[in-house]
Amino acid sequence: MPRVHFTPNLARHVDTASVQVDGATARDALDAVFAVRPQARGYVLDDQGALRKHVQVFVDGGQIEDRQALSDAVAPGSELWVMQALSGG
């Protein structure tokens, strides 16, 4: 089962503990997380279901390519990292 991790900066707003989920794609895995942590969805996805502009998802160290449908494949032992860009000076 893939494991989904969130970077600590998202923890200021919602519960983002790492979780193991079922899923064959990034969308499947994230939807499984949002099923148990629905409040996290709005921080990661826009109202069309695509990744927000300043959010990146990495699967096994590589950035996903499909930011709209999130169709990138994940393997049973994959590690997904959800990261929100930080800015400021």
Protein backbone atom coordinates (compact mmCIF):
# COMPACT_ATOMS: atom_id res chain seq x y z
CA MET A 1 0.00 0.00 0.00
CA PRO A 2 1.37 3.44 -0.88
CA ARG A 3 2.20 5.78 2.01
CA VAL A 4 1.26 9.47 1.75
CA HIS A 5 3.26 12.09 3.66
CA PHE A 6 2.64 15.81 4.03
CA THR A 7 5.32 18.37 4.80
CA PRO A 8 5.11 19.96 8.28
CA ASN A 9 4.00 23.39 7.02
CA LEU A 10 0.56 21.95 6.20
CA ALA A 11 0.23 20.63 9.77
CA ARG A 12 -0.34 24.19 10.99
CA HIS A 13 -3.75 24.06 9.32
CA VAL A 14 -4.96 20.43 9.23
CA ASP A 15 -4.14 16.94 10.46
CA THR A 16 -1.48 15.70 8.07
CA ALA A 17 -0.10 12.60 9.72
CA SER A 18 1.38 10.10 7.26
CA VAL A 19 -1.03 7.38 6.24
CA GLN A 20 -0.98 4.15 4.22
CA VAL A 21 -3.74 3.93 1.62
CA ASP A 22 -4.87 1.86 -1.33
CA GLY A 23 -4.41 3.29 -4.80
CA ALA A 24 -2.90 2.71 -8.22
CA THR A 25 -2.59 6.40 -9.12
CA ALA A 26 -1.75 9.61 -7.30
CA ARG A 27 -5.46 10.54 -7.53
CA ASP A 28 -6.53 7.24 -5.93
CA ALA A 29 -4.05 7.64 -3.09
CA LEU A 30 -4.94 11.27 -2.39
CA ASP A 31 -8.69 10.56 -2.58
CA ALA A 32 -8.18 7.81 0.01
CA VAL A 33 -6.44 10.31 2.30
CA PHE A 34 -9.17 12.90 1.80
CA ALA A 35 -11.81 10.29 2.66
CA VAL A 36 -10.41 10.15 6.20
CA ARG A 37 -9.10 13.74 6.35
CA PRO A 38 -11.53 15.77 4.21
CA GLN A 39 -10.29 19.11 5.57
CA ALA A 40 -6.90 18.52 3.87
CA ARG A 41 -8.44 18.43 0.38
CA GLY A 42 -8.91 22.20 0.12
CA TYR A 43 -5.26 22.84 0.94
CA VAL A 44 -4.05 20.45 -1.78
CA LEU A 45 -6.64 20.60 -4.58
CA ASP A 46 -8.51 23.47 -6.19
CA ASP A 47 -12.27 23.46 -6.80
CA GLN A 48 -11.74 21.60 -10.10
CA GLY A 49 -9.83 18.78 -8.40
CA ALA A 50 -6.41 19.76 -9.80
CA LEU A 51 -3.36 20.47 -7.68
CA ARG A 52 -3.26 24.00 -6.37
CA LYS A 53 -0.70 26.27 -8.01
CA HIS A 54 1.77 26.17 -5.12
CA VAL A 55 1.44 22.47 -4.28
CA GLN A 56 3.68 19.70 -5.61
CA VAL A 57 3.34 15.95 -5.28
CA PHE A 58 6.32 13.62 -5.57
CA VAL A 59 6.06 9.86 -6.05
CA ASP A 60 9.19 7.92 -5.09
CA GLY A 61 11.29 11.07 -5.41
CA GLY A 62 9.98 12.19 -8.81
CA GLN A 63 7.56 15.05 -9.37
CA ILE A 64 4.22 13.96 -10.84
CA GLU A 65 3.52 15.11 -14.38
CA ASP A 66 -0.29 15.15 -14.47
CA ARG A 67 -1.33 18.05 -12.24
CA GLN A 68 -4.95 17.96 -13.48
CA ALA A 69 -6.11 14.33 -13.35
CA LEU A 70 -3.28 13.10 -11.08
CA SER A 71 -3.05 9.95 -13.19
CA ASP A 72 0.61 9.21 -12.41
CA ALA A 73 0.99 5.57 -11.36
CA VAL A 74 1.93 4.54 -7.84
CA ALA A 75 3.19 1.12 -6.82
CA PRO A 76 2.12 -0.74 -3.67
CA GLY A 77 5.32 0.35 -1.87
CA SER A 78 5.40 3.92 -3.20
CA GLU A 79 6.03 6.97 -1.05
CA LEU A 80 4.05 10.09 -1.96
CA TRP A 81 5.07 13.47 -0.59
CA VAL A 82 2.70 16.44 -0.73
CA MET A 83 4.56 19.74 -0.50
CA GLN A 84 3.35 23.31 -0.36
CA ALA A 85 5.69 25.99 -1.64
CA LEU A 86 6.75 28.62 0.88
CA SER A 87 7.64 32.17 -0.02
CA GLY A 88 8.78 35.23 1.75
CA GLY A 89 11.96 36.94 2.65
